[in-house]
Amino acid sequence: MKLIPYLMFREGKCREAFAFYAHALRGEIASSVTYGEMGTDMPEPVRPLVANIHLLVGGASIMGSDAMENCDGQATTSVNMEVDSIEEAERVFAAMSEGGLVRMPLAESEWALRFGMFDDRYGQPWMVNCLKPMS
């Protein structure tokens, strides 16, 4: 398992911030997807915003996205748990979210075999990602 910082940006600044980080840290953007690329049911104002971006820097990485307007006080930094299998994603999500608040149920996404978000029973935000193989 990898623990990866996940940064949430307000006002559509994610793409700009990650371009800066990639340049300053001499990293590489491994993947990026907008809310519009995730599906047609997204409201027009959020369609061009970043739903998920992944920056590799040496052996480390950070991920991020533009926050949706209705994120109701969600913290701006989460810890992303990157796991290697669907089974591990389901196990970790169930164990860590028990007694907490599930913000996004564990399900397949544009970039992941399984992705979900929750605040644990202590109010700390977490994400679980079982990424799809990169092409």
N, C-alpha and C. Protein backbone atom coordinates (compact mmCIF):
# COMPACT_ATOMS: atom_id res chain seq x y z
N MET A 1 0.84 -1.17 0.00
CA MET A 1 0.00 0.00 0.00
C MET A 1 0.89 1.24 0.00
N LYS A 2 0.43 2.26 -0.72
CA LYS A 2 1.08 3.56 -0.71
C LYS A 2 0.13 4.59 -0.11
N LEU A 3 0.67 5.50 0.71
CA LEU A 3 -0.11 6.61 1.23
C LEU A 3 0.34 7.86 0.49
N ILE A 4 -0.62 8.53 -0.18
CA ILE A 4 -0.31 9.64 -1.08
C ILE A 4 -1.11 10.88 -0.67
N PRO A 5 -0.45 12.02 -0.44
CA PRO A 5 -1.21 13.25 -0.17
C PRO A 5 -2.11 13.60 -1.35
N TYR A 6 -3.32 14.04 -1.07
CA TYR A 6 -4.30 14.40 -2.10
C TYR A 6 -4.78 15.82 -1.81
N LEU A 7 -4.49 16.74 -2.72
CA LEU A 7 -4.77 18.16 -2.53
C LEU A 7 -6.05 18.56 -3.27
N MET A 8 -6.96 19.23 -2.56
CA MET A 8 -8.19 19.73 -3.17
C MET A 8 -8.06 21.24 -3.35
N PHE A 9 -8.39 21.73 -4.54
CA PHE A 9 -8.24 23.14 -4.87
C PHE A 9 -9.58 23.81 -5.08
N ARG A 10 -9.69 25.02 -4.63
CA ARG A 10 -10.86 25.85 -4.85
C ARG A 10 -10.60 26.73 -6.07
N GLU A 11 -11.66 27.23 -6.65
CA GLU A 11 -11.58 28.21 -7.75
C GLU A 11 -10.86 27.69 -9.00
N GLY A 12 -10.88 26.38 -9.25
CA GLY A 12 -10.33 25.83 -10.48
C GLY A 12 -8.83 25.96 -10.64
N LYS A 13 -8.08 25.95 -9.56
CA LYS A 13 -6.63 26.18 -9.62
C LYS A 13 -5.80 24.90 -9.70
N CYS A 14 -6.42 23.73 -9.74
CA CYS A 14 -5.67 22.47 -9.70
C CYS A 14 -4.71 22.32 -10.88
N ARG A 15 -5.19 22.51 -12.10
CA ARG A 15 -4.34 22.33 -13.29
C ARG A 15 -3.13 23.25 -13.23
N GLU A 16 -3.37 24.51 -12.90
CA GLU A 16 -2.29 25.50 -12.80
C GLU A 16 -1.29 25.11 -11.71
N ALA A 17 -1.78 24.70 -10.56
CA ALA A 17 -0.91 24.33 -9.45
C ALA A 17 -0.05 23.12 -9.80
N PHE A 18 -0.66 22.10 -10.41
CA PHE A 18 0.10 20.89 -10.74
C PHE A 18 1.11 21.13 -11.86
N ALA A 19 0.81 22.02 -12.79
CA ALA A 19 1.80 22.39 -13.81
C ALA A 19 3.00 23.04 -13.13
N PHE A 20 2.73 23.92 -12.17
CA PHE A 20 3.80 24.55 -11.40
C PHE A 20 4.60 23.51 -10.63
N TYR A 21 3.93 22.62 -9.91
CA TYR A 21 4.63 21.59 -9.13
C TYR A 21 5.49 20.72 -10.04
N ALA A 22 4.94 20.31 -11.19
CA ALA A 22 5.69 19.46 -12.13
C ALA A 22 6.96 20.17 -12.58
N HIS A 23 6.85 21.44 -12.89
CA HIS A 23 8.01 22.21 -13.34
C HIS A 23 9.02 22.39 -12.20
N ALA A 24 8.55 22.86 -11.06
CA ALA A 24 9.44 23.16 -9.94
C ALA A 24 10.11 21.92 -9.37
N LEU A 25 9.39 20.81 -9.35
CA LEU A 25 9.92 19.57 -8.77
C LEU A 25 10.53 18.64 -9.81
N ARG A 26 10.49 19.08 -11.09
CA ARG A 26 10.98 18.25 -12.20
C ARG A 26 10.28 16.89 -12.22
N GLY A 27 8.98 16.96 -12.06
CA GLY A 27 8.17 15.76 -12.06
C GLY A 27 7.43 15.59 -13.37
N GLU A 28 6.60 14.57 -13.41
CA GLU A 28 5.83 14.25 -14.62
C GLU A 28 4.38 13.96 -14.24
N ILE A 29 3.47 14.60 -14.98
CA ILE A 29 2.04 14.33 -14.78
C ILE A 29 1.74 12.99 -15.45
N ALA A 30 1.39 12.01 -14.62
CA ALA A 30 1.14 10.65 -15.11
C ALA A 30 -0.24 10.51 -15.70
N SER A 31 -1.23 11.23 -15.13
CA SER A 31 -2.59 11.15 -15.65
C SER A 31 -3.38 12.36 -15.17
N SER A 32 -4.40 12.71 -15.94
CA SER A 32 -5.29 13.80 -15.60
C SER A 32 -6.63 13.57 -16.30
N VAL A 33 -7.72 13.79 -15.58
CA VAL A 33 -9.06 13.63 -16.15
C VAL A 33 -9.94 14.76 -15.61
N THR A 34 -10.79 15.31 -16.47
CA THR A 34 -11.71 16.36 -16.05
C THR A 34 -13.05 15.74 -15.62
N TYR A 35 -13.86 16.53 -14.93
CA TYR A 35 -15.19 16.06 -14.56
C TYR A 35 -16.01 15.76 -15.81
N GLY A 36 -15.84 16.55 -16.86
CA GLY A 36 -16.56 16.33 -18.11
C GLY A 36 -16.22 14.99 -18.76
N GLU A 37 -14.98 14.57 -18.62
CA GLU A 37 -14.57 13.28 -19.18
C GLU A 37 -15.12 12.10 -18.39
N MET A 38 -15.61 12.36 -17.19
CA MET A 38 -16.15 11.30 -16.35
C MET A 38 -17.57 10.93 -16.72
N GLY A 39 -18.31 11.85 -17.33
CA GLY A 39 -19.69 11.52 -17.69
C GLY A 39 -20.48 12.75 -18.08
N THR A 40 -21.56 12.52 -18.78
CA THR A 40 -22.37 13.61 -19.31
C THR A 40 -23.30 14.23 -18.28
N ASP A 41 -23.45 13.60 -17.11
CA ASP A 41 -24.38 14.14 -16.11
C ASP A 41 -23.75 15.21 -15.22
N MET A 42 -22.53 15.62 -15.53
CA MET A 42 -21.87 16.67 -14.76
C MET A 42 -22.38 18.04 -15.20
N PRO A 43 -22.61 18.95 -14.27
CA PRO A 43 -23.06 20.30 -14.64
C PRO A 43 -22.01 21.00 -15.50
N GLU A 44 -22.45 21.80 -16.44
CA GLU A 44 -21.56 22.47 -17.39
C GLU A 44 -20.44 23.27 -16.72
N PRO A 45 -20.69 24.02 -15.65
CA PRO A 45 -19.60 24.81 -15.05
C PRO A 45 -18.42 23.99 -14.52
N VAL A 46 -18.68 22.72 -14.12
CA VAL A 46 -17.58 21.92 -13.56
C VAL A 46 -16.93 21.00 -14.59
N ARG A 47 -17.51 20.86 -15.76
CA ARG A 47 -16.99 19.93 -16.77
C ARG A 47 -15.51 20.16 -17.12
N PRO A 48 -15.01 21.40 -17.23
CA PRO A 48 -13.59 21.57 -17.57
C PRO A 48 -12.64 21.45 -16.37
N LEU A 49 -13.18 21.35 -15.16
CA LEU A 49 -12.33 21.28 -13.98
C LEU A 49 -11.70 19.90 -13.82
N VAL A 50 -10.57 19.84 -13.12
CA VAL A 50 -9.83 18.59 -12.92
C VAL A 50 -10.52 17.74 -11.85
N ALA A 51 -10.88 16.51 -12.23
CA ALA A 51 -11.48 15.56 -11.30
C ALA A 51 -10.40 14.74 -10.61
N ASN A 52 -9.29 14.49 -11.29
CA ASN A 52 -8.19 13.73 -10.71
C ASN A 52 -6.93 13.96 -11.53
N ILE A 53 -5.82 14.22 -10.83
CA ILE A 53 -4.52 14.40 -11.48
C ILE A 53 -3.48 13.72 -10.61
N HIS A 54 -2.46 13.15 -11.25
CA HIS A 54 -1.44 12.39 -10.53
C HIS A 54 -0.07 12.84 -11.01
N LEU A 55 0.75 13.34 -10.09
CA LEU A 55 2.10 13.83 -10.38
C LEU A 55 3.12 12.90 -9.76
N LEU A 56 4.06 12.42 -10.59
CA LEU A 56 5.16 11.57 -10.13
C LEU A 56 6.42 12.41 -10.02
N VAL A 57 7.10 12.28 -8.87
CA VAL A 57 8.36 12.99 -8.64
C VAL A 57 9.31 11.98 -8.03
N GLY A 58 10.27 11.49 -8.83
CA GLY A 58 11.15 10.44 -8.33
C GLY A 58 10.32 9.24 -7.93
N GLY A 59 10.53 8.75 -6.72
CA GLY A 59 9.76 7.61 -6.23
C GLY A 59 8.52 8.02 -5.46
N ALA A 60 8.20 9.31 -5.45
CA ALA A 60 7.04 9.80 -4.69
C ALA A 60 5.97 10.32 -5.64
N SER A 61 4.80 10.60 -5.09
CA SER A 61 3.74 11.19 -5.91
C SER A 61 2.78 11.98 -5.03
N ILE A 62 2.06 12.89 -5.69
CA ILE A 62 0.93 13.58 -5.07
C ILE A 62 -0.21 13.55 -6.07
N MET A 63 -1.41 13.67 -5.57
CA MET A 63 -2.59 13.67 -6.42
C MET A 63 -3.44 14.87 -6.03
N GLY A 64 -4.41 15.22 -6.89
CA GLY A 64 -5.27 16.34 -6.57
C GLY A 64 -6.47 16.45 -7.48
N SER A 65 -7.31 17.45 -7.16
CA SER A 65 -8.48 17.75 -7.98
C SER A 65 -9.02 19.12 -7.61
N ASP A 66 -9.88 19.63 -8.49
CA ASP A 66 -10.63 20.85 -8.18
C ASP A 66 -11.83 20.42 -7.35
N ALA A 67 -12.09 21.13 -6.25
CA ALA A 67 -13.22 20.81 -5.39
C ALA A 67 -14.52 21.21 -6.07
N MET A 68 -15.53 20.38 -5.91
CA MET A 68 -16.86 20.71 -6.40
C MET A 68 -17.45 21.75 -5.45
N GLU A 69 -18.38 22.55 -5.92
CA GLU A 69 -18.99 23.61 -5.12
C GLU A 69 -19.67 23.08 -3.86
N ASN A 70 -20.21 21.87 -3.92
CA ASN A 70 -21.00 21.34 -2.80
C ASN A 70 -20.19 20.42 -1.89
N CYS A 71 -18.89 20.69 -1.73
CA CYS A 71 -18.07 19.79 -0.92
C CYS A 71 -18.26 20.01 0.58
N ASP A 72 -19.22 20.80 0.97
CA ASP A 72 -19.70 21.03 2.33
C ASP A 72 -18.64 20.95 3.43
N GLY A 73 -17.62 21.78 3.29
CA GLY A 73 -16.62 21.90 4.34
C GLY A 73 -15.54 20.84 4.31
N GLN A 74 -15.48 20.03 3.27
CA GLN A 74 -14.45 18.99 3.21
C GLN A 74 -13.07 19.60 3.32
N ALA A 75 -12.19 18.94 4.04
CA ALA A 75 -10.82 19.42 4.19
C ALA A 75 -10.15 19.53 2.83
N THR A 76 -9.13 20.35 2.75
CA THR A 76 -8.46 20.55 1.48
C THR A 76 -7.30 19.59 1.26
N THR A 77 -6.95 18.80 2.26
CA THR A 77 -5.93 17.76 2.08
C THR A 77 -6.45 16.46 2.66
N SER A 78 -6.34 15.40 1.86
CA SER A 78 -6.71 14.07 2.28
C SER A 78 -5.50 13.17 2.14
N VAL A 79 -5.60 11.97 2.69
CA VAL A 79 -4.59 10.95 2.43
C VAL A 79 -5.23 9.92 1.51
N ASN A 80 -4.58 9.68 0.39
CA ASN A 80 -5.04 8.69 -0.57
C ASN A 80 -4.31 7.37 -0.29
N MET A 81 -5.06 6.29 -0.15
CA MET A 81 -4.46 4.97 0.01
C MET A 81 -4.52 4.27 -1.34
N GLU A 82 -3.37 4.05 -1.95
CA GLU A 82 -3.31 3.36 -3.23
C GLU A 82 -3.04 1.89 -2.96
N VAL A 83 -3.98 1.04 -3.36
CA VAL A 83 -3.87 -0.40 -3.12
C VAL A 83 -3.76 -1.14 -4.45
N ASP A 84 -3.35 -2.41 -4.36
CA ASP A 84 -3.05 -3.18 -5.57
C ASP A 84 -4.18 -4.06 -6.09
N SER A 85 -5.26 -4.20 -5.31
CA SER A 85 -6.33 -5.09 -5.78
C SER A 85 -7.69 -4.55 -5.35
N ILE A 86 -8.72 -4.99 -6.07
CA ILE A 86 -10.09 -4.62 -5.74
C ILE A 86 -10.44 -5.14 -4.34
N GLU A 87 -10.00 -6.35 -4.03
CA GLU A 87 -10.29 -6.94 -2.73
C GLU A 87 -9.69 -6.10 -1.60
N GLU A 88 -8.44 -5.65 -1.77
CA GLU A 88 -7.81 -4.83 -0.74
C GLU A 88 -8.50 -3.48 -0.63
N ALA A 89 -8.93 -2.91 -1.76
CA ALA A 89 -9.67 -1.65 -1.73
C ALA A 89 -10.95 -1.81 -0.91
N GLU A 90 -11.68 -2.88 -1.16
CA GLU A 90 -12.93 -3.11 -0.44
C GLU A 90 -12.69 -3.34 1.05
N ARG A 91 -11.64 -4.09 1.39
CA ARG A 91 -11.32 -4.37 2.78
C ARG A 91 -10.94 -3.09 3.54
N VAL A 92 -10.01 -2.33 2.97
CA VAL A 92 -9.52 -1.12 3.63
C VAL A 92 -10.63 -0.08 3.74
N PHE A 93 -11.42 0.09 2.68
CA PHE A 93 -12.51 1.06 2.71
C PHE A 93 -13.50 0.72 3.83
N ALA A 94 -13.89 -0.55 3.90
CA ALA A 94 -14.86 -0.97 4.93
C ALA A 94 -14.29 -0.76 6.33
N ALA A 95 -13.05 -1.15 6.54
CA ALA A 95 -12.45 -1.05 7.87
C ALA A 95 -12.25 0.40 8.30
N MET A 96 -11.69 1.21 7.43
CA MET A 96 -11.35 2.59 7.78
C MET A 96 -12.57 3.52 7.85
N SER A 97 -13.62 3.23 7.07
CA SER A 97 -14.79 4.12 7.06
C SER A 97 -15.81 3.76 8.14
N GLU A 98 -15.62 2.62 8.80
CA GLU A 98 -16.57 2.20 9.83
C GLU A 98 -16.70 3.27 10.92
N GLY A 99 -17.92 3.72 11.14
CA GLY A 99 -18.18 4.75 12.14
C GLY A 99 -17.94 6.16 11.64
N GLY A 100 -17.57 6.29 10.38
CA GLY A 100 -17.29 7.60 9.81
C GLY A 100 -18.37 8.04 8.83
N LEU A 101 -18.03 8.97 7.96
CA LEU A 101 -18.96 9.52 6.98
C LEU A 101 -18.46 9.19 5.58
N VAL A 102 -19.18 8.35 4.85
CA VAL A 102 -18.82 8.02 3.48
C VAL A 102 -19.26 9.18 2.59
N ARG A 103 -18.30 9.81 1.92
CA ARG A 103 -18.59 10.94 1.03
C ARG A 103 -18.82 10.46 -0.40
N MET A 104 -18.13 9.40 -0.81
CA MET A 104 -18.31 8.81 -2.13
C MET A 104 -18.12 7.30 -1.97
N PRO A 105 -19.17 6.51 -2.18
CA PRO A 105 -19.05 5.06 -2.02
C PRO A 105 -17.99 4.48 -2.96
N LEU A 106 -17.39 3.40 -2.54
CA LEU A 106 -16.37 2.73 -3.34
C LEU A 106 -17.00 2.18 -4.62
N ALA A 107 -16.47 2.60 -5.77
CA ALA A 107 -17.01 2.18 -7.07
C ALA A 107 -15.94 2.39 -8.14
N GLU A 108 -16.19 1.89 -9.33
CA GLU A 108 -15.28 2.13 -10.45
C GLU A 108 -15.38 3.59 -10.88
N SER A 109 -14.24 4.15 -11.31
CA SER A 109 -14.21 5.52 -11.81
C SER A 109 -13.45 5.55 -13.13
N GLU A 110 -13.33 6.73 -13.71
CA GLU A 110 -12.61 6.90 -14.97
C GLU A 110 -11.17 6.41 -14.86
N TRP A 111 -10.53 6.61 -13.72
CA TRP A 111 -9.11 6.29 -13.55
C TRP A 111 -8.84 5.08 -12.68
N ALA A 112 -9.87 4.57 -11.99
CA ALA A 112 -9.63 3.52 -11.00
C ALA A 112 -10.61 2.36 -11.13
N LEU A 113 -10.12 1.16 -10.82
CA LEU A 113 -10.99 -0.01 -10.73
C LEU A 113 -11.94 0.16 -9.54
N ARG A 114 -11.43 0.80 -8.48
CA ARG A 114 -12.25 1.17 -7.33
C ARG A 114 -11.73 2.50 -6.77
N PHE A 115 -12.66 3.40 -6.45
CA PHE A 115 -12.33 4.67 -5.82
C PHE A 115 -13.45 5.04 -4.86
N GLY A 116 -13.08 5.54 -3.69
CA GLY A 116 -14.07 5.99 -2.73
C GLY A 116 -13.45 7.00 -1.78
N MET A 117 -14.32 7.80 -1.15
CA MET A 117 -13.87 8.84 -0.22
C MET A 117 -14.70 8.77 1.05
N PHE A 118 -14.05 9.04 2.18
CA PHE A 118 -14.75 9.05 3.45
C PHE A 118 -13.97 9.88 4.46
N ASP A 119 -14.67 10.32 5.50
CA ASP A 119 -14.04 10.88 6.67
C ASP A 119 -14.10 9.78 7.72
N ASP A 120 -12.97 9.49 8.37
CA ASP A 120 -12.98 8.43 9.38
C ASP A 120 -13.74 8.89 10.63
N ARG A 121 -13.87 8.02 11.58
CA ARG A 121 -14.65 8.32 12.79
C ARG A 121 -14.09 9.48 13.60
N TYR A 122 -12.87 9.92 13.26
CA TYR A 122 -12.24 11.06 13.94
C TYR A 122 -12.32 12.33 13.10
N GLY A 123 -13.00 12.26 11.94
CA GLY A 123 -13.19 13.43 11.10
C GLY A 123 -12.09 13.68 10.07
N GLN A 124 -11.15 12.74 9.95
CA GLN A 124 -10.05 12.92 9.00
C GLN A 124 -10.44 12.35 7.63
N PRO A 125 -10.16 13.10 6.54
CA PRO A 125 -10.54 12.64 5.20
C PRO A 125 -9.53 11.65 4.61
N TRP A 126 -10.07 10.61 3.97
CA TRP A 126 -9.28 9.56 3.32
C TRP A 126 -9.89 9.24 1.96
N MET A 127 -9.05 8.68 1.08
CA MET A 127 -9.50 8.17 -0.22
C MET A 127 -8.88 6.79 -0.39
N VAL A 128 -9.57 5.93 -1.10
CA VAL A 128 -9.03 4.63 -1.48
C VAL A 128 -9.03 4.57 -2.99
N ASN A 129 -7.89 4.20 -3.58
CA ASN A 129 -7.73 4.09 -5.02
C ASN A 129 -7.10 2.77 -5.39
N CYS A 130 -7.76 2.02 -6.24
CA CYS A 130 -7.15 0.86 -6.90
C CYS A 130 -7.11 1.24 -8.38
N LEU A 131 -5.96 1.79 -8.80
CA LEU A 131 -5.84 2.40 -10.12
C LEU A 131 -5.94 1.40 -11.26
N LYS A 132 -6.50 1.86 -12.38
CA LYS A 132 -6.49 1.07 -13.61
C LYS A 132 -5.08 1.08 -14.16
N PRO A 133 -4.69 0.03 -14.88
CA PRO A 133 -3.34 0.02 -15.47
C PRO A 133 -3.16 1.19 -16.43
N MET A 134 -1.99 1.85 -16.36
CA MET A 134 -1.70 2.97 -17.25
C MET A 134 -1.38 2.44 -18.64
N SER A 135 -1.90 3.16 -19.65
CA SER A 135 -1.66 2.71 -21.03
C SER A 135 -0.36 3.27 -21.55
